[in-house]
């Protein structure tokens, strides 16, 4: 198989495949982090929720999806700015939530 033949059976584009590869990389990274430094005990953050590392990853990914969808709805492509905003949002979630 050459080029896009690897992903054409699902009508995926390369950005879609890259998105899911990023999600997989996040999950693998979180697994390695937990193995290297166990004890992601729940902590109470600014929102008053007890969250673990996995919870904060989920919150940051979900929030990033909403940031990108809102950007597309109001301003349209390209999505480089909301990706940057999402990275800052994820940092804030992991640091203080």
N, C-alpha and C. Protein backbone atom coordinates (compact mmCIF):
# COMPACT_ATOMS: atom_id res chain seq x y z
N UNK A 1 0.83 -1.18 0.00
CA UNK A 1 0.00 0.00 0.00
C UNK A 1 0.87 1.25 0.00
N UNK A 2 0.46 2.22 -0.73
CA UNK A 2 1.24 3.44 -0.83
C UNK A 2 0.41 4.64 -0.39
N UNK A 3 1.12 5.67 0.04
CA UNK A 3 0.48 6.94 0.32
C UNK A 3 -0.73 6.83 1.21
N UNK A 4 -1.85 7.33 0.72
CA UNK A 4 -3.07 7.35 1.53
C UNK A 4 -3.84 6.05 1.47
N UNK A 5 -3.33 5.05 0.76
CA UNK A 5 -4.03 3.77 0.70
C UNK A 5 -4.18 3.13 2.08
N UNK A 6 -3.26 3.45 2.99
CA UNK A 6 -3.33 2.88 4.33
C UNK A 6 -4.57 3.35 5.09
N UNK A 7 -5.01 4.56 4.82
CA UNK A 7 -6.14 5.09 5.56
C UNK A 7 -7.37 5.33 4.69
N UNK A 8 -7.29 5.05 3.43
CA UNK A 8 -8.41 5.34 2.54
C UNK A 8 -9.61 4.42 2.76
N UNK A 9 -9.40 3.26 3.36
CA UNK A 9 -10.51 2.34 3.57
C UNK A 9 -11.54 2.92 4.53
N UNK A 10 -11.16 3.90 5.36
CA UNK A 10 -12.10 4.54 6.26
C UNK A 10 -12.41 5.97 5.82
N UNK A 11 -11.97 6.36 4.66
CA UNK A 11 -12.15 7.71 4.14
C UNK A 11 -11.56 8.75 5.08
N UNK A 12 -10.45 8.41 5.73
CA UNK A 12 -9.76 9.34 6.62
C UNK A 12 -8.84 10.23 5.80
N UNK A 13 -8.58 11.38 6.35
CA UNK A 13 -7.56 12.25 5.77
C UNK A 13 -6.34 12.18 6.70
N UNK A 14 -5.23 12.72 6.25
CA UNK A 14 -4.04 12.69 7.10
C UNK A 14 -4.23 13.51 8.38
N UNK A 15 -4.91 14.66 8.34
CA UNK A 15 -5.14 15.37 9.61
C UNK A 15 -5.97 14.55 10.60
N UNK A 16 -6.95 13.80 10.10
CA UNK A 16 -7.75 12.96 10.98
C UNK A 16 -6.88 11.87 11.60
N UNK A 17 -6.06 11.24 10.79
CA UNK A 17 -5.16 10.21 11.30
C UNK A 17 -4.17 10.80 12.30
N UNK A 18 -3.68 12.00 12.04
CA UNK A 18 -2.76 12.66 12.96
C UNK A 18 -3.44 12.96 14.29
N UNK A 19 -4.70 13.36 14.24
CA UNK A 19 -5.47 13.63 15.46
C UNK A 19 -5.56 12.38 16.33
N UNK A 20 -5.94 11.26 15.73
CA UNK A 20 -6.06 10.03 16.50
C UNK A 20 -4.69 9.51 16.94
N UNK A 21 -3.66 9.76 16.16
CA UNK A 21 -2.31 9.39 16.57
C UNK A 21 -1.89 10.22 17.79
N UNK A 22 -2.30 11.49 17.82
CA UNK A 22 -2.01 12.34 18.97
C UNK A 22 -2.72 11.83 20.22
N UNK A 23 -3.97 11.43 20.09
CA UNK A 23 -4.71 10.88 21.22
C UNK A 23 -4.01 9.62 21.73
N UNK A 24 -3.60 8.75 20.82
CA UNK A 24 -2.88 7.54 21.21
C UNK A 24 -1.57 7.89 21.90
N UNK A 25 -0.86 8.88 21.38
CA UNK A 25 0.40 9.30 22.00
C UNK A 25 0.16 9.85 23.40
N UNK A 26 -0.94 10.57 23.60
CA UNK A 26 -1.29 11.08 24.93
C UNK A 26 -1.53 9.92 25.90
N UNK A 27 -2.26 8.92 25.46
CA UNK A 27 -2.54 7.77 26.32
C UNK A 27 -1.27 7.00 26.65
N UNK A 28 -0.41 6.82 25.66
CA UNK A 28 0.86 6.13 25.91
C UNK A 28 1.72 6.96 26.85
N UNK A 29 1.77 8.27 26.63
CA UNK A 29 2.53 9.16 27.50
C UNK A 29 2.04 9.12 28.94
N UNK A 30 0.72 9.11 29.12
CA UNK A 30 0.17 9.04 30.47
C UNK A 30 0.51 7.71 31.13
N UNK A 31 0.50 6.62 30.35
CA UNK A 31 0.86 5.32 30.88
C UNK A 31 2.31 5.30 31.33
N UNK A 32 3.21 5.82 30.49
CA UNK A 32 4.63 5.87 30.84
C UNK A 32 4.83 6.75 32.07
N UNK A 33 4.14 7.88 32.13
CA UNK A 33 4.24 8.78 33.28
C UNK A 33 3.81 8.07 34.56
N UNK A 34 2.72 7.32 34.50
CA UNK A 34 2.22 6.62 35.68
C UNK A 34 3.18 5.51 36.11
N UNK A 35 3.79 4.83 35.14
CA UNK A 35 4.75 3.77 35.47
C UNK A 35 6.02 4.38 36.07
N UNK A 36 6.48 5.49 35.49
CA UNK A 36 7.71 6.14 35.97
C UNK A 36 7.50 6.83 37.31
N UNK A 37 6.33 7.39 37.51
CA UNK A 37 6.05 8.13 38.75
C UNK A 37 4.66 7.77 39.25
N UNK A 38 4.53 6.60 39.89
CA UNK A 38 3.21 6.19 40.34
C UNK A 38 2.67 7.13 41.43
N UNK A 39 1.39 7.07 41.58
CA UNK A 39 0.80 7.84 42.66
C UNK A 39 0.05 9.06 42.17
N UNK A 40 -0.62 8.95 41.05
CA UNK A 40 -1.44 10.05 40.59
C UNK A 40 -2.68 10.15 41.45
N UNK A 41 -2.46 10.33 42.75
CA UNK A 41 -3.57 10.38 43.69
C UNK A 41 -4.46 11.57 43.37
N UNK A 42 -5.74 11.44 43.62
CA UNK A 42 -6.65 12.56 43.36
C UNK A 42 -6.24 13.80 44.15
N UNK A 43 -6.41 14.95 43.53
CA UNK A 43 -6.17 16.20 44.23
C UNK A 43 -7.32 17.16 43.95
N UNK A 44 -7.56 18.03 44.87
CA UNK A 44 -8.65 19.00 44.75
C UNK A 44 -8.08 20.28 44.14
N UNK A 45 -8.63 20.67 43.02
CA UNK A 45 -8.13 21.84 42.33
C UNK A 45 -9.01 23.06 42.51
N UNK A 46 -8.84 24.00 41.63
CA UNK A 46 -9.53 25.29 41.71
C UNK A 46 -11.05 25.14 41.56
N UNK A 47 -11.48 24.13 40.84
CA UNK A 47 -12.92 23.92 40.65
C UNK A 47 -13.56 23.16 41.79
N UNK A 48 -12.75 22.67 42.72
CA UNK A 48 -13.28 21.92 43.85
C UNK A 48 -13.53 20.45 43.54
N UNK A 49 -13.09 20.01 42.37
CA UNK A 49 -13.24 18.61 41.98
C UNK A 49 -11.99 17.83 42.36
N UNK A 50 -12.18 16.59 42.78
CA UNK A 50 -11.03 15.71 42.97
C UNK A 50 -10.74 15.05 41.64
N UNK A 51 -9.56 15.30 41.10
CA UNK A 51 -9.21 14.75 39.78
C UNK A 51 -7.88 14.02 39.86
N UNK A 52 -7.75 12.99 39.03
CA UNK A 52 -6.49 12.28 38.86
C UNK A 52 -5.86 12.77 37.56
N UNK A 53 -4.68 12.27 37.24
CA UNK A 53 -4.04 12.66 35.99
C UNK A 53 -4.90 12.32 34.78
N UNK A 54 -5.50 11.14 34.81
CA UNK A 54 -6.36 10.72 33.70
C UNK A 54 -7.57 11.62 33.55
N UNK A 55 -8.15 12.02 34.69
CA UNK A 55 -9.29 12.94 34.65
C UNK A 55 -8.89 14.27 34.02
N UNK A 56 -7.72 14.76 34.41
CA UNK A 56 -7.26 16.04 33.86
C UNK A 56 -6.95 15.93 32.38
N UNK A 57 -6.43 14.78 31.94
CA UNK A 57 -6.23 14.57 30.50
C UNK A 57 -7.56 14.61 29.77
N UNK A 58 -8.55 13.91 30.30
CA UNK A 58 -9.87 13.89 29.67
C UNK A 58 -10.48 15.28 29.63
N UNK A 59 -10.41 16.02 30.73
CA UNK A 59 -10.95 17.37 30.77
C UNK A 59 -10.25 18.27 29.76
N UNK A 60 -8.94 18.14 29.65
CA UNK A 60 -8.21 18.99 28.70
C UNK A 60 -8.52 18.62 27.26
N UNK A 61 -8.65 17.34 26.95
CA UNK A 61 -9.00 16.94 25.58
C UNK A 61 -10.42 17.36 25.22
N UNK A 62 -11.34 17.19 26.14
CA UNK A 62 -12.73 17.59 25.89
C UNK A 62 -12.84 19.10 25.72
N UNK A 63 -12.20 19.85 26.60
CA UNK A 63 -12.21 21.30 26.49
C UNK A 63 -11.56 21.78 25.21
N UNK A 64 -10.47 21.12 24.81
CA UNK A 64 -9.79 21.49 23.56
C UNK A 64 -10.68 21.25 22.35
N UNK A 65 -11.45 20.18 22.40
CA UNK A 65 -12.39 19.91 21.30
C UNK A 65 -13.42 21.03 21.21
N UNK A 66 -13.95 21.48 22.35
CA UNK A 66 -14.92 22.56 22.34
C UNK A 66 -14.30 23.88 21.89
N UNK A 67 -13.06 24.14 22.28
CA UNK A 67 -12.37 25.35 21.83
C UNK A 67 -12.25 25.35 20.31
N UNK A 68 -11.82 24.22 19.74
CA UNK A 68 -11.65 24.13 18.29
C UNK A 68 -12.99 24.21 17.56
N UNK A 69 -14.02 23.56 18.09
CA UNK A 69 -15.34 23.63 17.46
C UNK A 69 -15.91 25.04 17.51
N UNK A 70 -15.74 25.72 18.63
CA UNK A 70 -16.21 27.10 18.73
C UNK A 70 -15.47 28.00 17.74
N UNK A 71 -14.17 27.80 17.63
CA UNK A 71 -13.37 28.58 16.69
C UNK A 71 -13.87 28.36 15.25
N UNK A 72 -14.09 27.09 14.91
CA UNK A 72 -14.60 26.79 13.57
C UNK A 72 -15.97 27.42 13.35
N UNK A 73 -16.83 27.37 14.36
CA UNK A 73 -18.17 27.92 14.23
C UNK A 73 -18.19 29.42 14.07
N UNK A 74 -17.31 30.13 14.78
CA UNK A 74 -17.34 31.58 14.75
C UNK A 74 -16.37 32.20 13.76
N UNK A 75 -15.19 31.59 13.58
CA UNK A 75 -14.16 32.21 12.76
C UNK A 75 -13.73 31.38 11.56
N UNK A 76 -13.94 30.08 11.60
CA UNK A 76 -13.54 29.21 10.50
C UNK A 76 -12.06 28.85 10.55
N UNK A 77 -11.62 28.11 9.52
CA UNK A 77 -10.21 27.70 9.51
C UNK A 77 -9.31 28.89 9.23
N UNK A 78 -8.03 28.79 9.48
CA UNK A 78 -7.22 27.67 9.97
C UNK A 78 -7.33 27.52 11.49
N UNK A 79 -6.87 26.39 11.98
CA UNK A 79 -7.02 26.05 13.39
C UNK A 79 -5.73 26.18 14.20
N UNK A 80 -4.74 26.90 13.71
CA UNK A 80 -3.48 27.01 14.45
C UNK A 80 -3.66 27.78 15.75
N UNK A 81 -4.42 28.85 15.72
CA UNK A 81 -4.63 29.64 16.94
C UNK A 81 -5.37 28.84 18.01
N UNK A 82 -6.48 28.16 17.68
CA UNK A 82 -7.14 27.40 18.74
C UNK A 82 -6.31 26.22 19.26
N UNK A 83 -5.43 25.69 18.43
CA UNK A 83 -4.54 24.63 18.92
C UNK A 83 -3.61 25.21 19.98
N UNK A 84 -3.11 26.42 19.74
CA UNK A 84 -2.28 27.08 20.75
C UNK A 84 -3.06 27.40 22.01
N UNK A 85 -4.28 27.89 21.84
CA UNK A 85 -5.15 28.16 22.99
C UNK A 85 -5.43 26.88 23.75
N UNK A 86 -5.64 25.79 23.03
CA UNK A 86 -5.90 24.50 23.66
C UNK A 86 -4.69 24.01 24.45
N UNK A 87 -3.49 24.26 23.94
CA UNK A 87 -2.28 23.86 24.66
C UNK A 87 -2.16 24.63 25.97
N UNK A 88 -2.45 25.92 25.93
CA UNK A 88 -2.44 26.73 27.16
C UNK A 88 -3.52 26.24 28.12
N UNK A 89 -4.69 25.95 27.58
CA UNK A 89 -5.80 25.43 28.40
C UNK A 89 -5.40 24.12 29.07
N UNK A 90 -4.77 23.21 28.32
CA UNK A 90 -4.34 21.93 28.89
C UNK A 90 -3.31 22.14 29.99
N UNK A 91 -2.40 23.08 29.79
CA UNK A 91 -1.41 23.38 30.83
C UNK A 91 -2.11 23.86 32.10
N UNK A 92 -3.08 24.74 31.94
CA UNK A 92 -3.82 25.26 33.09
C UNK A 92 -4.57 24.14 33.80
N UNK A 93 -5.20 23.25 33.02
CA UNK A 93 -5.93 22.14 33.62
C UNK A 93 -4.99 21.24 34.42
N UNK A 94 -3.84 20.91 33.85
CA UNK A 94 -2.92 20.01 34.55
C UNK A 94 -2.28 20.68 35.75
N UNK A 95 -2.15 21.98 35.71
CA UNK A 95 -1.49 22.71 36.79
C UNK A 95 -2.42 23.02 37.95
N UNK A 96 -3.64 23.50 37.64
CA UNK A 96 -4.49 24.03 38.70
C UNK A 96 -5.85 23.37 38.88
N UNK A 97 -6.28 22.50 37.97
CA UNK A 97 -7.61 21.90 38.13
C UNK A 97 -7.53 20.61 38.90
